Protein backbone atom coordinates (compact mmCIF):
# COMPACT_ATOMS: atom_id res chain seq x y z
CA MET A 1 30.39 15.45 15.46
CA LYS A 2 32.32 12.28 16.26
CA LYS A 3 31.01 10.16 19.11
CA ASN A 4 33.50 9.48 21.90
CA ILE A 5 33.97 5.90 23.08
CA LEU A 6 35.94 4.73 26.10
CA LEU A 7 37.54 1.32 25.50
CA VAL A 8 39.19 -0.40 28.47
CA GLU A 9 40.95 -3.60 27.35
CA ASP A 10 44.22 -5.04 28.65
CA ASP A 11 44.79 -7.36 25.68
CA GLU A 12 47.00 -5.12 23.56
CA SER A 13 46.25 -6.84 20.25
CA LEU A 14 42.47 -6.94 20.76
CA GLY A 15 42.44 -3.38 22.05
CA PHE A 16 44.26 -2.17 18.94
CA VAL A 17 41.92 -4.08 16.60
CA ILE A 18 38.79 -2.68 18.27
CA GLN A 19 40.18 0.86 18.42
CA ASP A 20 41.31 0.80 14.80
CA SER A 21 38.04 -0.68 13.56
CA LEU A 22 35.92 1.88 15.41
CA LYS A 23 38.10 4.76 14.25
CA ASN A 24 37.55 3.59 10.67
CA LYS A 25 33.81 3.83 11.37
CA GLY A 26 34.18 7.46 12.37
CA TYR A 27 34.33 7.16 16.16
CA HIS A 28 36.87 8.75 18.46
CA VAL A 29 38.22 6.00 20.73
CA SER A 30 40.21 6.42 23.95
CA LEU A 31 41.98 3.18 24.88
CA SER A 32 43.00 2.36 28.47
CA LYS A 33 44.76 -0.86 29.49
CA ASP A 34 43.62 -1.21 33.12
CA GLY A 35 40.65 -0.25 35.25
CA GLU A 36 42.32 2.58 37.17
CA ALA A 37 43.53 4.21 33.96
CA GLY A 38 40.07 3.76 32.47
CA LEU A 39 38.45 5.60 35.38
CA LYS A 40 40.93 8.47 35.10
CA ASP A 41 40.21 8.67 31.38
CA TYR A 42 36.45 8.64 32.01
CA ASP A 43 36.77 11.47 34.55
CA SER A 44 38.86 13.61 32.21
CA LYS A 45 36.55 13.54 29.17
CA THR A 46 32.93 13.17 28.10
CA PHE A 47 32.04 9.80 26.59
CA ASP A 48 28.97 8.67 24.67
CA LEU A 49 29.56 4.95 25.36
CA CYS A 50 31.93 2.68 27.30
CA ILE A 51 33.30 -0.74 26.32
CA LEU A 52 34.79 -2.53 29.32
CA ASP A 53 36.61 -5.83 29.50
CA VAL A 54 35.58 -7.68 32.65
CA MET A 55 39.00 -9.13 33.51
CA LEU A 56 41.20 -6.06 33.95
CA PRO A 57 44.32 -5.42 36.06
CA LYS A 58 44.25 -2.94 38.99
CA MET A 59 40.44 -2.62 38.85
CA ASP A 60 38.12 -5.17 37.22
CA GLY A 61 35.47 -4.16 34.72
CA PHE A 62 32.57 -4.58 37.15
CA SER A 63 34.18 -2.31 39.76
CA LEU A 64 34.92 0.22 37.04
CA ALA A 65 31.31 0.07 35.85
CA GLU A 66 30.05 0.68 39.41
CA LYS A 67 32.16 3.84 39.63
CA ILE A 68 30.98 5.00 36.21
CA ARG A 69 27.37 4.43 37.30
CA GLN A 70 28.01 6.62 40.37
CA ARG A 71 28.87 9.38 37.92
CA SER A 72 26.32 8.68 35.19
CA LYS A 73 23.25 6.46 34.95
CA VAL A 74 22.77 7.01 31.23
CA THR A 75 26.16 6.33 29.57
CA PRO A 76 25.73 2.94 27.83
CA ILE A 77 28.14 0.25 29.05
CA ILE A 78 28.99 -2.81 26.98
CA PHE A 79 30.97 -5.56 28.74
CA LEU A 80 33.46 -7.81 26.97
CA THR A 81 33.35 -11.24 28.62
CA ALA A 82 35.02 -14.60 28.21
CA LYS A 83 33.13 -17.80 27.54
CA GLY A 84 31.85 -19.63 30.61
CA MET A 85 31.16 -16.44 32.59
CA GLN A 86 27.37 -16.40 32.34
CA GLU A 87 26.74 -15.75 36.03
CA ASP A 88 29.25 -12.91 35.89
CA LYS A 89 27.30 -11.46 32.99
CA LEU A 90 24.15 -11.39 35.11
CA GLU A 91 26.11 -9.63 37.85
CA GLY A 92 27.17 -7.08 35.25
CA PHE A 93 23.54 -6.28 34.43
CA LYS A 94 22.75 -5.88 38.13
CA ILE A 95 25.57 -3.36 38.42
CA GLY A 96 24.15 -1.33 35.56
CA GLY A 97 25.65 -2.71 32.36
CA ASP A 98 23.52 -2.45 29.23
CA ASP A 99 24.88 -5.21 26.99
CA TYR A 100 27.70 -7.71 26.62
CA MET A 101 29.83 -9.31 23.94
CA THR A 102 31.33 -12.77 24.41
CA LYS A 103 34.87 -13.24 23.11
CA PRO A 104 35.61 -14.00 20.37
CA PHE A 105 33.13 -11.73 18.59
CA SER A 106 32.82 -10.11 15.19
CA MET A 107 33.58 -6.44 14.82
CA GLU A 108 30.47 -6.11 12.65
CA GLU A 109 28.27 -7.18 15.58
CA LEU A 110 30.04 -4.86 18.02
CA VAL A 111 29.63 -1.92 15.65
CA TYR A 112 25.95 -2.78 15.20
CA ARG A 113 25.32 -2.79 18.94
CA ILE A 114 27.19 0.49 19.40
CA GLU A 115 25.15 2.09 16.63
CA VAL A 116 21.88 0.92 18.22
CA PHE A 117 22.74 2.58 21.54
CA LEU A 118 24.03 5.81 20.02
CA ARG A 119 21.14 6.07 17.59
CA ARG A 120 18.62 5.76 20.43
CA GLY A 121 20.46 8.36 22.46
CA GLY A 122 20.69 10.87 19.66
CA VAL A 123 17.11 11.11 18.44
CA PRO A 124 15.40 14.22 19.80
CA ALA A 125 11.93 13.81 21.22
CA LYS A 126 9.13 15.18 19.04
CA GLU A 127 6.59 15.32 21.88
CA SER A 128 6.46 15.58 25.64
CA THR A 129 8.84 13.05 27.15
CA VAL A 130 7.02 12.84 30.50
CA ARG A 131 4.31 10.25 30.99
CA GLN A 132 2.29 9.44 34.11
CA LEU A 133 2.35 5.93 35.56
CA GLY A 134 0.04 6.16 38.55
CA GLN A 135 1.78 8.51 40.98
CA PHE A 136 5.04 8.23 39.04
CA SER A 137 6.30 10.68 36.44
CA PHE A 138 8.47 8.84 33.93
CA ASP A 139 10.72 11.06 31.81
CA THR A 140 11.77 9.01 28.82
CA ASN A 141 14.30 11.63 27.77
CA SER A 142 16.23 12.01 31.03
CA PHE A 143 15.68 8.37 32.10
CA SER A 144 14.17 9.38 35.43
CA LEU A 145 11.30 8.00 37.48
CA SER A 146 9.99 10.38 40.15
CA ILE A 147 7.37 10.16 42.88
CA ASN A 148 6.66 12.50 45.81
CA GLY A 149 9.83 14.48 45.14
CA GLN A 150 12.03 11.37 45.04
CA ILE A 151 13.87 10.77 41.77
CA GLN A 152 15.20 7.39 40.63
CA LYS A 153 17.64 7.65 37.74
CA LEU A 154 17.34 4.69 35.38
CA THR A 155 19.98 3.19 33.17
CA ARG A 156 19.36 3.45 29.45
CA ARG A 157 18.33 -0.20 29.24
CA GLU A 158 15.96 0.08 32.21
CA ALA A 159 14.36 3.16 30.63
CA GLU A 160 14.01 1.43 27.26
CA ILE A 161 12.23 -1.55 28.82
CA LEU A 162 9.89 0.63 30.87
CA GLN A 163 9.10 2.78 27.84
CA PHE A 164 8.45 -0.29 25.69
CA LEU A 165 6.00 -1.63 28.29
CA SER A 166 4.33 1.75 28.93
CA ASP A 167 3.78 2.17 25.18
CA ARG A 168 1.74 -1.04 25.47
CA MET A 169 0.02 -0.35 28.79
CA ASP A 170 -2.32 -3.13 30.00
CA THR A 171 -1.18 -5.34 27.13
CA LEU A 172 0.68 -8.61 27.56
CA VAL A 173 4.05 -8.15 25.88
CA LYS A 174 5.68 -11.43 24.90
CA ARG A 175 9.23 -12.00 26.09
CA GLU A 176 10.53 -12.66 22.60
CA GLU A 177 8.95 -9.45 21.29
CA LEU A 178 10.71 -7.37 23.93
CA LEU A 179 14.02 -9.17 23.54
CA ILE A 180 14.12 -8.86 19.77
CA ALA A 181 13.12 -5.19 19.89
CA LEU A 182 15.83 -4.21 22.40
CA TRP A 183 18.54 -6.87 22.15
CA GLY A 184 18.13 -8.04 18.58
CA ASP A 185 17.58 -11.71 19.48
CA ASP A 186 15.82 -13.83 22.11
CA ASP A 187 18.39 -16.38 23.23
CA TYR A 188 18.23 -18.00 26.68
CA PHE A 189 20.85 -15.86 28.37
CA LYS A 190 19.41 -12.56 27.17
CA GLY A 191 16.09 -13.78 28.56
CA ARG A 192 17.71 -14.17 31.98
CA SER A 193 19.22 -10.71 31.60
CA LEU A 194 15.77 -9.32 30.88
CA ASP A 195 14.52 -10.86 34.13
CA VAL A 196 17.21 -8.97 36.03
CA PHE A 197 16.08 -5.65 34.55
CA ILE A 198 12.40 -6.41 35.20
CA SER A 199 13.17 -7.22 38.85
CA LYS A 200 14.95 -3.89 39.27
CA LEU A 201 12.07 -1.98 37.68
CA ARG A 202 9.50 -3.73 39.88
CA LYS A 203 11.55 -2.74 42.93
CA TYR A 204 11.49 0.91 41.84
CA LEU A 205 7.74 0.80 41.20
CA LYS A 206 6.88 -0.52 44.68
CA ALA A 207 6.61 3.08 45.88
CA ASP A 208 3.12 3.10 44.29
CA GLU A 209 1.21 -0.08 45.13
CA ASN A 210 -1.12 0.51 42.18
CA VAL A 211 1.67 0.24 39.61
CA ASP A 212 3.20 -3.12 38.77
CA ILE A 213 4.82 -5.15 36.03
CA GLU A 214 2.91 -8.41 36.03
CA ASN A 215 4.95 -11.47 35.14
CA TYR A 216 3.22 -14.16 33.07
CA HIS A 217 5.71 -16.96 33.63
CA GLY A 218 7.32 -18.13 30.40
CA VAL A 219 5.09 -15.86 28.33
CA GLY A 220 5.76 -12.19 28.98
CA PHE A 221 5.02 -9.05 31.00
CA LYS A 222 2.23 -6.51 31.39
CA LEU A 223 2.58 -3.01 32.87
CA VAL A 224 -0.61 -2.16 34.78
CA VAL A 225 -1.84 0.86 36.71
CA LYS A 226 -4.76 -0.08 38.97
CA GLU A 227 -7.57 2.40 39.66
């Protein structure tokens, strides 16, 4: 079955190129040219992934992403950003974006990143997806973290990071190892993006004082559950 992708891009030429390229790869692509139209399109169909330009008329990409996150925590969101917008990219991760592409970019790289997200989302679990982290129950399949009846829905990227660390419980995971495994490279900006996600996860985990992600400055992170 074809995967459905929402593309919101106001540059007509770029939008056509992306849509045509992804269709040739076997995806079904719905193209909207402004944020309001993109939200209407999102609400009318089911999408496996969203590609949002940041600078959009009527509703910018970040505002659109916030509204999408109100509807779904798990739909992957890839932002398309212009050069020189690094702080805006960090804001995008705080909102709930999963990845970004800086214009101009190669279609091969965009397709690769899309395939990584959709491949992770489409692999059925072969064993129980729920693991205990202190008082927390972490469901790696539904991307949820629950404690005392309270459920925190995680974004796909947040869940991937927490799963990566919980697979290596009480082990120092180097920053570059985590970045390469989940982002494909370990450049400076992606390192800052990782810090944003770690900060959000540590905030969620404060509900159990015995669970923490320890930060070894400049080296890496360790997920610990104290007795």
